[in-house]
Amino acid sequence: MGRKTSFMQDPVITILKIGGVGVLPTDTIYGIVGSALLPKTVARIYKLRRRNLKKPMIILVSSLVELKFFGIKLNPVIQRKLKNFWPGKVSIILPCASKKFSYLHRGTKTLAFRLPAKPNLRAILKKTGPLVAPSANLEGRPPAKTIRAAEKYFGRRVDFYVDHGRLDGAPSRLITFQGDKVVSLR
């Protein structure tokens, strides 16, 4: 399909809910997105990006409550610390040992989550549920800064593109917790 559409059109939400894949602006850069709860969709994104199968992808959520979908239980200290970073451009690695989500954690038994700052993106996430959202590029290539660049990577192999002009952002900051201490990884 590969059609261009606007950010909040119902077709984008419908396509994502039924397992489709598209390119849209995240709070940092363009991402190639699909439902984090559908293993076939996640596998499709790995194939489209030619991504290393051992590397997990970042998952966008609309609220802290959605972490429960993945069996993530936060202690009160970590929950308070998360509120210092979210919503925002920070992805946080949390433990997820569940075999049910091995298609996401790829054996690392951890998942990286981000609660985006952009209200329109959170509105989509509220309707679609959590989305995997790696950068819109092939593994090892520069992230697409425009839809035209994303189209060169993926062509008609994705179901939609949402154009928001040129995005010169950087990938999200990546952190984890060691005990109650914050450790920055990028």
N, C-alpha and C. Protein backbone atom coordinates (compact mmCIF):
# COMPACT_ATOMS: atom_id res chain seq x y z
N MET A 1 0.83 -1.18 0.00
CA MET A 1 0.00 0.00 0.00
C MET A 1 0.88 1.25 0.00
N GLY A 2 1.58 1.53 1.09
CA GLY A 2 2.52 2.63 1.16
C GLY A 2 1.92 4.00 0.97
N ARG A 3 0.66 4.20 1.32
CA ARG A 3 0.04 5.50 1.08
C ARG A 3 0.40 6.50 2.17
N LYS A 4 0.39 7.79 1.78
CA LYS A 4 0.66 8.85 2.74
C LYS A 4 -0.66 9.30 3.35
N THR A 5 -0.63 9.62 4.62
CA THR A 5 -1.84 10.02 5.32
C THR A 5 -1.47 11.01 6.41
N SER A 6 -2.48 11.59 7.06
CA SER A 6 -2.21 12.51 8.15
C SER A 6 -2.12 11.75 9.47
N PHE A 7 -1.63 12.44 10.49
CA PHE A 7 -1.26 11.80 11.74
C PHE A 7 -2.42 11.11 12.46
N MET A 8 -3.57 11.74 12.56
CA MET A 8 -4.63 11.19 13.38
C MET A 8 -5.78 10.59 12.58
N GLN A 9 -5.58 10.30 11.31
CA GLN A 9 -6.67 9.70 10.55
C GLN A 9 -6.97 8.31 11.06
N ASP A 10 -8.25 7.98 11.07
CA ASP A 10 -8.67 6.66 11.52
C ASP A 10 -8.00 5.52 10.77
N PRO A 11 -7.72 5.64 9.46
CA PRO A 11 -7.06 4.52 8.78
C PRO A 11 -5.73 4.12 9.42
N VAL A 12 -4.94 5.08 9.89
CA VAL A 12 -3.66 4.76 10.53
C VAL A 12 -3.91 3.91 11.77
N ILE A 13 -4.85 4.32 12.57
CA ILE A 13 -5.16 3.59 13.80
C ILE A 13 -5.69 2.20 13.47
N THR A 14 -6.60 2.13 12.52
CA THR A 14 -7.15 0.83 12.11
C THR A 14 -6.06 -0.09 11.59
N ILE A 15 -5.21 0.42 10.72
CA ILE A 15 -4.11 -0.39 10.15
C ILE A 15 -3.22 -0.93 11.25
N LEU A 16 -2.87 -0.08 12.22
CA LEU A 16 -2.00 -0.53 13.32
C LEU A 16 -2.70 -1.57 14.20
N LYS A 17 -3.98 -1.39 14.45
CA LYS A 17 -4.70 -2.33 15.31
C LYS A 17 -4.83 -3.71 14.68
N ILE A 18 -4.86 -3.78 13.35
CA ILE A 18 -5.01 -5.09 12.70
C ILE A 18 -3.67 -5.70 12.31
N GLY A 19 -2.58 -5.07 12.75
CA GLY A 19 -1.27 -5.67 12.52
C GLY A 19 -0.46 -5.05 11.41
N GLY A 20 -0.93 -3.93 10.89
CA GLY A 20 -0.17 -3.24 9.84
C GLY A 20 1.05 -2.54 10.39
N VAL A 21 1.86 -2.06 9.46
CA VAL A 21 3.14 -1.41 9.77
C VAL A 21 3.22 -0.11 8.98
N GLY A 22 3.71 0.95 9.60
CA GLY A 22 3.87 2.21 8.91
C GLY A 22 5.00 3.04 9.47
N VAL A 23 5.24 4.15 8.81
CA VAL A 23 6.28 5.10 9.23
C VAL A 23 5.58 6.37 9.68
N LEU A 24 5.92 6.81 10.89
CA LEU A 24 5.36 8.06 11.40
C LEU A 24 6.36 8.76 12.30
N PRO A 25 6.14 10.06 12.53
CA PRO A 25 7.04 10.78 13.41
C PRO A 25 6.81 10.37 14.86
N THR A 26 7.89 10.06 15.55
CA THR A 26 7.78 9.82 16.99
C THR A 26 8.16 11.14 17.66
N ASP A 27 8.44 11.11 18.93
CA ASP A 27 8.84 12.32 19.62
C ASP A 27 10.31 12.64 19.38
N THR A 28 11.03 11.75 18.70
CA THR A 28 12.45 11.99 18.43
C THR A 28 12.71 12.04 16.92
N ILE A 29 12.50 10.92 16.24
CA ILE A 29 12.76 10.81 14.80
C ILE A 29 11.65 9.97 14.17
N TYR A 30 11.70 9.80 12.85
CA TYR A 30 10.73 8.92 12.21
C TYR A 30 10.97 7.49 12.68
N GLY A 31 9.87 6.79 12.98
CA GLY A 31 9.96 5.40 13.38
C GLY A 31 9.13 4.53 12.46
N ILE A 32 9.52 3.29 12.34
CA ILE A 32 8.70 2.29 11.65
C ILE A 32 7.96 1.56 12.77
N VAL A 33 6.64 1.65 12.77
CA VAL A 33 5.86 1.23 13.92
C VAL A 33 4.88 0.12 13.60
N GLY A 34 4.56 -0.66 14.63
CA GLY A 34 3.56 -1.71 14.55
C GLY A 34 3.25 -2.17 15.95
N SER A 35 2.17 -2.94 16.09
CA SER A 35 1.74 -3.39 17.41
C SER A 35 2.80 -4.25 18.10
N ALA A 36 3.13 -3.86 19.33
CA ALA A 36 4.08 -4.63 20.13
C ALA A 36 3.45 -5.91 20.66
N LEU A 37 2.12 -6.01 20.57
CA LEU A 37 1.42 -7.16 21.12
C LEU A 37 1.15 -8.24 20.07
N LEU A 38 1.58 -8.01 18.83
CA LEU A 38 1.37 -8.97 17.74
C LEU A 38 2.71 -9.48 17.22
N PRO A 39 3.09 -10.71 17.59
CA PRO A 39 4.39 -11.25 17.17
C PRO A 39 4.64 -11.19 15.66
N LYS A 40 3.63 -11.42 14.84
CA LYS A 40 3.83 -11.39 13.38
C LYS A 40 4.18 -9.98 12.90
N THR A 41 3.59 -8.98 13.53
CA THR A 41 3.90 -7.60 13.18
C THR A 41 5.34 -7.26 13.56
N VAL A 42 5.74 -7.67 14.74
CA VAL A 42 7.12 -7.43 15.19
C VAL A 42 8.09 -8.13 14.25
N ALA A 43 7.80 -9.37 13.86
CA ALA A 43 8.66 -10.11 12.93
C ALA A 43 8.75 -9.39 11.58
N ARG A 44 7.65 -8.83 11.14
CA ARG A 44 7.64 -8.09 9.86
C ARG A 44 8.58 -6.89 9.93
N ILE A 45 8.57 -6.18 11.05
CA ILE A 45 9.44 -5.00 11.19
C ILE A 45 10.90 -5.43 11.22
N TYR A 46 11.22 -6.52 11.90
CA TYR A 46 12.60 -7.03 11.89
C TYR A 46 13.04 -7.30 10.45
N LYS A 47 12.17 -7.92 9.68
CA LYS A 47 12.50 -8.26 8.30
C LYS A 47 12.64 -7.00 7.44
N LEU A 48 11.70 -6.06 7.57
CA LEU A 48 11.75 -4.83 6.79
C LEU A 48 13.03 -4.03 7.05
N ARG A 49 13.42 -3.98 8.31
CA ARG A 49 14.61 -3.19 8.68
C ARG A 49 15.91 -3.97 8.51
N ARG A 50 15.79 -5.27 8.27
CA ARG A 50 16.96 -6.16 8.24
C ARG A 50 17.71 -6.05 9.56
N ARG A 51 16.93 -6.00 10.62
CA ARG A 51 17.46 -5.77 11.97
C ARG A 51 18.05 -7.05 12.54
N ASN A 52 19.13 -6.89 13.28
CA ASN A 52 19.75 -7.99 14.01
C ASN A 52 18.69 -8.63 14.91
N LEU A 53 18.44 -9.91 14.75
CA LEU A 53 17.38 -10.60 15.48
C LEU A 53 17.66 -10.71 16.98
N LYS A 54 18.85 -10.38 17.41
CA LYS A 54 19.18 -10.45 18.84
C LYS A 54 18.92 -9.12 19.54
N LYS A 55 18.64 -8.06 18.77
CA LYS A 55 18.45 -6.74 19.35
C LYS A 55 16.97 -6.43 19.55
N PRO A 56 16.55 -6.20 20.80
CA PRO A 56 15.16 -5.80 21.04
C PRO A 56 14.89 -4.39 20.49
N MET A 57 13.61 -4.07 20.33
CA MET A 57 13.20 -2.75 19.85
C MET A 57 12.56 -1.96 20.99
N ILE A 58 12.57 -0.66 20.87
CA ILE A 58 11.92 0.21 21.85
C ILE A 58 10.41 0.13 21.64
N ILE A 59 9.68 0.16 22.75
CA ILE A 59 8.22 0.09 22.72
C ILE A 59 7.66 1.40 23.25
N LEU A 60 6.78 2.01 22.48
CA LEU A 60 6.10 3.23 22.91
C LEU A 60 4.82 2.87 23.64
N VAL A 61 4.58 3.51 24.78
CA VAL A 61 3.37 3.30 25.57
C VAL A 61 2.69 4.63 25.81
N SER A 62 1.37 4.58 26.08
CA SER A 62 0.63 5.81 26.32
C SER A 62 0.57 6.18 27.80
N SER A 63 0.92 5.22 28.68
CA SER A 63 0.88 5.49 30.11
C SER A 63 1.68 4.43 30.86
N LEU A 64 1.98 4.70 32.11
CA LEU A 64 2.66 3.72 32.96
C LEU A 64 1.83 2.45 33.12
N VAL A 65 0.53 2.60 33.08
CA VAL A 65 -0.37 1.45 33.26
C VAL A 65 -0.10 0.38 32.20
N GLU A 66 0.26 0.78 30.98
CA GLU A 66 0.49 -0.18 29.90
C GLU A 66 1.69 -1.09 30.15
N LEU A 67 2.56 -0.74 31.06
CA LEU A 67 3.68 -1.62 31.39
C LEU A 67 3.18 -2.95 31.95
N LYS A 68 1.98 -2.94 32.55
CA LYS A 68 1.40 -4.16 33.09
C LYS A 68 1.11 -5.18 32.00
N PHE A 69 0.85 -4.73 30.75
CA PHE A 69 0.63 -5.66 29.63
C PHE A 69 1.81 -6.62 29.49
N PHE A 70 2.98 -6.16 29.88
CA PHE A 70 4.22 -6.91 29.70
C PHE A 70 4.69 -7.58 30.99
N GLY A 71 3.83 -7.57 32.01
CA GLY A 71 4.17 -8.19 33.28
C GLY A 71 5.19 -7.41 34.09
N ILE A 72 5.32 -6.12 33.78
CA ILE A 72 6.29 -5.27 34.48
C ILE A 72 5.65 -4.74 35.76
N LYS A 73 6.30 -5.03 36.88
CA LYS A 73 5.83 -4.53 38.17
C LYS A 73 6.90 -3.60 38.70
N LEU A 74 6.52 -2.36 38.92
CA LEU A 74 7.47 -1.35 39.37
C LEU A 74 7.41 -1.17 40.87
N ASN A 75 8.59 -1.11 41.50
CA ASN A 75 8.57 -0.76 42.91
C ASN A 75 8.31 0.75 43.01
N PRO A 76 7.83 1.21 44.15
CA PRO A 76 7.46 2.63 44.28
C PRO A 76 8.60 3.60 43.98
N VAL A 77 9.83 3.24 44.32
CA VAL A 77 10.97 4.14 44.06
C VAL A 77 11.18 4.31 42.56
N ILE A 78 11.19 3.20 41.83
CA ILE A 78 11.38 3.27 40.37
C ILE A 78 10.20 4.00 39.73
N GLN A 79 9.00 3.74 40.19
CA GLN A 79 7.83 4.41 39.63
C GLN A 79 7.95 5.93 39.78
N ARG A 80 8.42 6.38 40.94
CA ARG A 80 8.62 7.84 41.14
C ARG A 80 9.70 8.36 40.20
N LYS A 81 10.79 7.59 40.04
CA LYS A 81 11.88 8.03 39.16
C LYS A 81 11.41 8.11 37.71
N LEU A 82 10.56 7.19 37.28
CA LEU A 82 10.05 7.22 35.91
C LEU A 82 9.33 8.54 35.63
N LYS A 83 8.64 9.04 36.61
CA LYS A 83 7.90 10.29 36.43
C LYS A 83 8.82 11.48 36.21
N ASN A 84 10.11 11.34 36.56
CA ASN A 84 11.09 12.39 36.28
C ASN A 84 11.49 12.41 34.81
N PHE A 85 11.33 11.27 34.13
CA PHE A 85 11.76 11.14 32.74
C PHE A 85 10.60 11.16 31.74
N TRP A 86 9.42 10.78 32.20
CA TRP A 86 8.27 10.62 31.30
C TRP A 86 7.15 11.57 31.64
N PRO A 87 6.41 12.03 30.66
CA PRO A 87 6.66 11.81 29.23
C PRO A 87 7.91 12.56 28.78
N GLY A 88 8.58 11.98 27.80
CA GLY A 88 9.79 12.61 27.30
C GLY A 88 10.56 11.73 26.34
N LYS A 89 11.73 12.19 25.96
CA LYS A 89 12.56 11.54 24.94
C LYS A 89 13.56 10.56 25.56
N VAL A 90 13.13 9.87 26.60
CA VAL A 90 13.98 8.93 27.30
C VAL A 90 13.36 7.54 27.25
N SER A 91 14.11 6.58 26.74
CA SER A 91 13.68 5.18 26.73
C SER A 91 14.32 4.50 27.93
N ILE A 92 13.53 3.69 28.62
CA ILE A 92 13.98 3.10 29.88
C ILE A 92 13.89 1.58 29.78
N ILE A 93 15.01 0.92 30.07
CA ILE A 93 15.08 -0.53 30.03
C ILE A 93 14.60 -1.07 31.38
N LEU A 94 13.62 -1.99 31.28
CA LEU A 94 13.06 -2.60 32.48
C LEU A 94 13.09 -4.12 32.34
N PRO A 95 13.17 -4.86 33.45
CA PRO A 95 13.21 -6.32 33.36
C PRO A 95 11.88 -6.89 32.88
N CYS A 96 11.97 -7.89 32.01
CA CYS A 96 10.79 -8.61 31.50
C CYS A 96 11.24 -10.03 31.16
N ALA A 97 11.14 -10.93 32.12
CA ALA A 97 11.64 -12.28 31.94
C ALA A 97 10.62 -13.23 31.30
N SER A 98 9.41 -12.77 31.08
CA SER A 98 8.34 -13.62 30.57
C SER A 98 8.67 -14.22 29.20
N LYS A 99 8.54 -15.54 29.10
CA LYS A 99 8.75 -16.21 27.81
C LYS A 99 7.71 -15.76 26.80
N LYS A 100 6.55 -15.36 27.27
CA LYS A 100 5.48 -14.87 26.39
C LYS A 100 5.97 -13.72 25.52
N PHE A 101 6.92 -12.94 26.04
CA PHE A 101 7.42 -11.77 25.31
C PHE A 101 8.83 -11.97 24.76
N SER A 102 9.24 -13.21 24.59
CA SER A 102 10.57 -13.48 24.04
C SER A 102 10.70 -12.95 22.61
N TYR A 103 9.59 -12.85 21.88
CA TYR A 103 9.64 -12.27 20.54
C TYR A 103 9.99 -10.78 20.59
N LEU A 104 9.85 -10.17 21.76
CA LEU A 104 10.23 -8.77 21.95
C LEU A 104 11.59 -8.65 22.63
N HIS A 105 11.81 -9.38 23.71
CA HIS A 105 13.07 -9.19 24.45
C HIS A 105 14.24 -9.98 23.87
N ARG A 106 13.96 -10.90 22.94
CA ARG A 106 15.00 -11.60 22.19
C ARG A 106 16.04 -12.28 23.09
N GLY A 107 15.57 -12.77 24.25
CA GLY A 107 16.47 -13.46 25.16
C GLY A 107 17.18 -12.57 26.16
N THR A 108 17.06 -11.25 26.01
CA THR A 108 17.72 -10.34 26.95
C THR A 108 16.98 -10.26 28.28
N LYS A 109 15.70 -10.64 28.26
CA LYS A 109 14.82 -10.58 29.42
C LYS A 109 14.67 -9.16 29.95
N THR A 110 14.83 -8.20 29.04
CA THR A 110 14.57 -6.79 29.33
C THR A 110 13.86 -6.18 28.13
N LEU A 111 13.11 -5.11 28.38
CA LEU A 111 12.47 -4.36 27.31
C LEU A 111 12.69 -2.88 27.56
N ALA A 112 12.82 -2.12 26.49
CA ALA A 112 12.97 -0.66 26.58
C ALA A 112 11.64 -0.01 26.22
N PHE A 113 11.18 0.87 27.09
CA PHE A 113 9.91 1.56 26.89
C PHE A 113 10.13 3.07 26.85
N ARG A 114 9.22 3.76 26.14
CA ARG A 114 9.23 5.22 26.15
C ARG A 114 7.79 5.71 26.17
N LEU A 115 7.53 6.68 27.02
CA LEU A 115 6.25 7.38 27.07
C LEU A 115 6.48 8.72 26.39
N PRO A 116 6.05 8.86 25.13
CA PRO A 116 6.37 10.07 24.36
C PRO A 116 5.74 11.34 24.93
N ALA A 117 6.40 12.45 24.68
CA ALA A 117 5.90 13.74 25.13
C ALA A 117 4.83 14.30 24.20
N LYS A 118 4.85 13.92 22.92
CA LYS A 118 3.90 14.48 21.95
C LYS A 118 2.48 13.99 22.24
N PRO A 119 1.57 14.92 22.54
CA PRO A 119 0.19 14.53 22.84
C PRO A 119 -0.49 13.77 21.69
N ASN A 120 -0.23 14.17 20.44
CA ASN A 120 -0.89 13.48 19.32
C ASN A 120 -0.40 12.04 19.18
N LEU A 121 0.85 11.79 19.49
CA LEU A 121 1.38 10.43 19.45
C LEU A 121 0.80 9.60 20.60
N ARG A 122 0.70 10.18 21.78
CA ARG A 122 0.07 9.47 22.90
C ARG A 122 -1.40 9.16 22.61
N ALA A 123 -2.08 10.07 21.89
CA ALA A 123 -3.48 9.83 21.52
C ALA A 123 -3.59 8.61 20.61
N ILE A 124 -2.66 8.47 19.68
CA ILE A 124 -2.65 7.28 18.82
C ILE A 124 -2.40 6.04 19.66
N LEU A 125 -1.42 6.10 20.55
CA LEU A 125 -1.09 4.95 21.40
C LEU A 125 -2.26 4.53 22.28
N LYS A 126 -3.05 5.48 22.74
CA LYS A 126 -4.23 5.14 23.55
C LYS A 126 -5.21 4.31 22.75
N LYS A 127 -5.27 4.54 21.45
CA LYS A 127 -6.20 3.81 20.60
C LYS A 127 -5.63 2.51 20.04
N THR A 128 -4.31 2.46 19.86
CA THR A 128 -3.70 1.28 19.25
C THR A 128 -3.11 0.31 20.26
N GLY A 129 -2.75 0.81 21.42
CA GLY A 129 -1.98 0.02 22.37
C GLY A 129 -0.50 0.22 22.08
N PRO A 130 0.37 -0.43 22.82
CA PRO A 130 1.81 -0.24 22.68
C PRO A 130 2.30 -0.57 21.26
N LEU A 131 3.25 0.24 20.79
CA LEU A 131 3.83 0.06 19.46
C LEU A 131 5.34 -0.09 19.55
N VAL A 132 5.89 -1.08 18.82
CA VAL A 132 7.34 -1.09 18.66
C VAL A 132 7.66 0.06 17.71
N ALA A 133 8.80 0.71 17.93
CA ALA A 133 9.09 1.92 17.16
C ALA A 133 10.58 2.12 16.94
N PRO A 134 11.24 1.19 16.25
CA PRO A 134 12.64 1.46 15.93
C PRO A 134 12.71 2.58 14.89
N SER A 135 13.88 3.15 14.73
CA SER A 135 14.04 4.22 13.75
C SER A 135 13.74 3.70 12.34
N ALA A 136 13.26 4.60 11.50
CA ALA A 136 12.88 4.26 10.13
C ALA A 136 14.12 4.24 9.24
N ASN A 137 14.79 3.12 9.24
CA ASN A 137 15.98 2.92 8.41
C ASN A 137 16.31 1.44 8.38
N LEU A 138 17.19 1.08 7.48
CA LEU A 138 17.72 -0.28 7.47
C LEU A 138 18.83 -0.35 8.51
N GLU A 139 19.04 -1.51 9.08
CA GLU A 139 20.08 -1.70 10.09
C GLU A 139 21.42 -1.14 9.58
N GLY A 140 22.05 -0.31 10.39
CA GLY A 140 23.35 0.23 10.05
C GLY A 140 23.33 1.46 9.15
N ARG A 141 22.15 1.87 8.68
CA ARG A 141 22.04 3.04 7.83
C ARG A 141 21.50 4.22 8.65
N PRO A 142 21.67 5.44 8.18
CA PRO A 142 21.19 6.60 8.95
C PRO A 142 19.66 6.62 9.05
N PRO A 143 19.14 7.05 10.19
CA PRO A 143 17.69 7.18 10.32
C PRO A 143 17.13 8.16 9.29
N ALA A 144 15.95 7.84 8.76
CA ALA A 144 15.29 8.73 7.80
C ALA A 144 14.91 10.03 8.49
N LYS A 145 15.29 11.14 7.87
CA LYS A 145 14.92 12.46 8.40
C LYS A 145 13.69 13.02 7.69
N THR A 146 13.33 12.39 6.57
CA THR A 146 12.15 12.79 5.81
C THR A 146 11.39 11.54 5.38
N ILE A 147 10.15 11.74 5.00
CA ILE A 147 9.36 10.61 4.48
C ILE A 147 9.97 10.12 3.18
N ARG A 148 10.47 11.02 2.38
CA ARG A 148 11.11 10.61 1.12
C ARG A 148 12.26 9.62 1.39
N ALA A 149 13.07 9.91 2.41
CA ALA A 149 14.17 9.01 2.78
C ALA A 149 13.62 7.66 3.27
N ALA A 150 12.54 7.70 4.07
CA ALA A 150 11.93 6.46 4.55
C ALA A 150 11.39 5.64 3.38
N GLU A 151 10.80 6.33 2.41
CA GLU A 151 10.27 5.63 1.22
C GLU A 151 11.40 4.95 0.44
N LYS A 152 12.57 5.56 0.43
CA LYS A 152 13.71 4.92 -0.25
C LYS A 152 14.10 3.62 0.46
N TYR A 153 13.96 3.59 1.78
CA TYR A 153 14.27 2.38 2.53
C TYR A 153 13.19 1.30 2.35
N PHE A 154 11.92 1.70 2.42
CA PHE A 154 10.85 0.72 2.53
C PHE A 154 9.88 0.66 1.35
N GLY A 155 9.85 1.71 0.53
CA GLY A 155 8.96 1.70 -0.63
C GLY A 155 7.53 1.37 -0.27
N ARG A 156 6.96 0.44 -1.03
CA ARG A 156 5.56 0.04 -0.83
C ARG A 156 5.42 -1.14 0.13
N ARG A 157 6.49 -1.49 0.81
CA ARG A 157 6.44 -2.64 1.72
C ARG A 157 5.86 -2.29 3.09
N VAL A 158 5.58 -1.01 3.33
CA VAL A 158 4.87 -0.62 4.56
C VAL A 158 3.47 -0.16 4.14
N ASP A 159 2.56 -0.10 5.10
CA ASP A 159 1.16 0.17 4.81
C ASP A 159 0.79 1.64 4.76
N PHE A 160 1.61 2.50 5.39
CA PHE A 160 1.33 3.94 5.34
C PHE A 160 2.57 4.72 5.73
N TYR A 161 2.56 5.99 5.35
CA TYR A 161 3.58 6.97 5.77
C TYR A 161 2.83 8.19 6.29
N VAL A 162 3.30 8.74 7.39
CA VAL A 162 2.76 9.99 7.93
C VAL A 162 3.87 11.02 7.85
N ASP A 163 3.67 12.03 7.01
CA ASP A 163 4.69 13.04 6.76
C ASP A 163 4.54 14.21 7.73
N HIS A 164 5.60 14.50 8.44
CA HIS A 164 5.61 15.64 9.36
C HIS A 164 6.81 16.54 9.06
N GLY A 165 7.18 16.57 7.77
CA GLY A 165 8.31 17.40 7.38
C GLY A 165 9.63 16.78 7.79
N ARG A 166 10.66 17.58 7.74
CA ARG A 166 12.01 17.12 8.10
C ARG A 166 12.15 17.04 9.62
N LEU A 167 12.65 15.90 10.10
CA LEU A 167 12.90 15.71 11.53
C LEU A 167 14.40 15.52 11.73
N ASP A 168 15.00 16.46 12.40
CA ASP A 168 16.44 16.41 12.64
C ASP A 168 16.77 15.99 14.07
N GLY A 169 15.83 15.34 14.73
CA GLY A 169 16.05 14.92 16.11
C GLY A 169 17.08 13.80 16.19
N ALA A 170 17.40 13.46 17.40
CA ALA A 170 18.33 12.35 17.68
C ALA A 170 17.54 11.22 18.30
N PRO A 171 18.05 9.99 18.22
CA PRO A 171 17.39 8.89 18.91
C PRO A 171 17.24 9.22 20.40
N SER A 172 16.29 8.54 21.04
CA SER A 172 16.04 8.80 22.45
C SER A 172 17.24 8.46 23.32
N ARG A 173 17.30 9.12 24.45
CA ARG A 173 18.27 8.76 25.48
C ARG A 173 17.86 7.39 26.02
N LEU A 174 18.80 6.54 26.36
CA LEU A 174 18.51 5.20 26.85
C LEU A 174 19.10 5.04 28.24
N ILE A 175 18.24 4.68 29.21
CA ILE A 175 18.71 4.49 30.58
C ILE A 175 18.18 3.18 31.14
N THR A 176 18.78 2.76 32.22
CA THR A 176 18.31 1.61 32.98
C THR A 176 18.51 1.93 34.46
N PHE A 177 18.03 1.04 35.30
CA PHE A 177 18.19 1.21 36.74
C PHE A 177 19.04 0.06 37.27
N GLN A 178 20.01 0.39 38.10
CA GLN A 178 20.76 -0.62 38.85
C GLN A 178 20.41 -0.36 40.30
N GLY A 179 19.54 -1.22 40.82
CA GLY A 179 18.95 -0.93 42.13
C GLY A 179 18.06 0.28 41.93
N ASP A 180 18.30 1.32 42.72
CA ASP A 180 17.54 2.56 42.57
C ASP A 180 18.33 3.62 41.83
N LYS A 181 19.53 3.26 41.36
CA LYS A 181 20.42 4.20 40.67
C LYS A 181 20.13 4.22 39.17
N VAL A 182 20.11 5.42 38.58
CA VAL A 182 19.90 5.59 37.14
C VAL A 182 21.23 5.47 36.42
N VAL A 183 21.27 4.61 35.39
CA VAL A 183 22.48 4.42 34.59
C VAL A 183 22.16 4.79 33.15
N SER A 184 22.90 5.75 32.60
CA SER A 184 22.69 6.20 31.23
C SER A 184 23.51 5.31 30.28
N LEU A 185 22.83 4.76 29.24
CA LEU A 185 23.49 3.89 28.28
C LEU A 185 23.78 4.57 26.94
N ARG A 186 23.00 5.62 26.64
CA ARG A 186 23.28 6.44 25.43
C ARG A 186 22.64 7.78 25.60
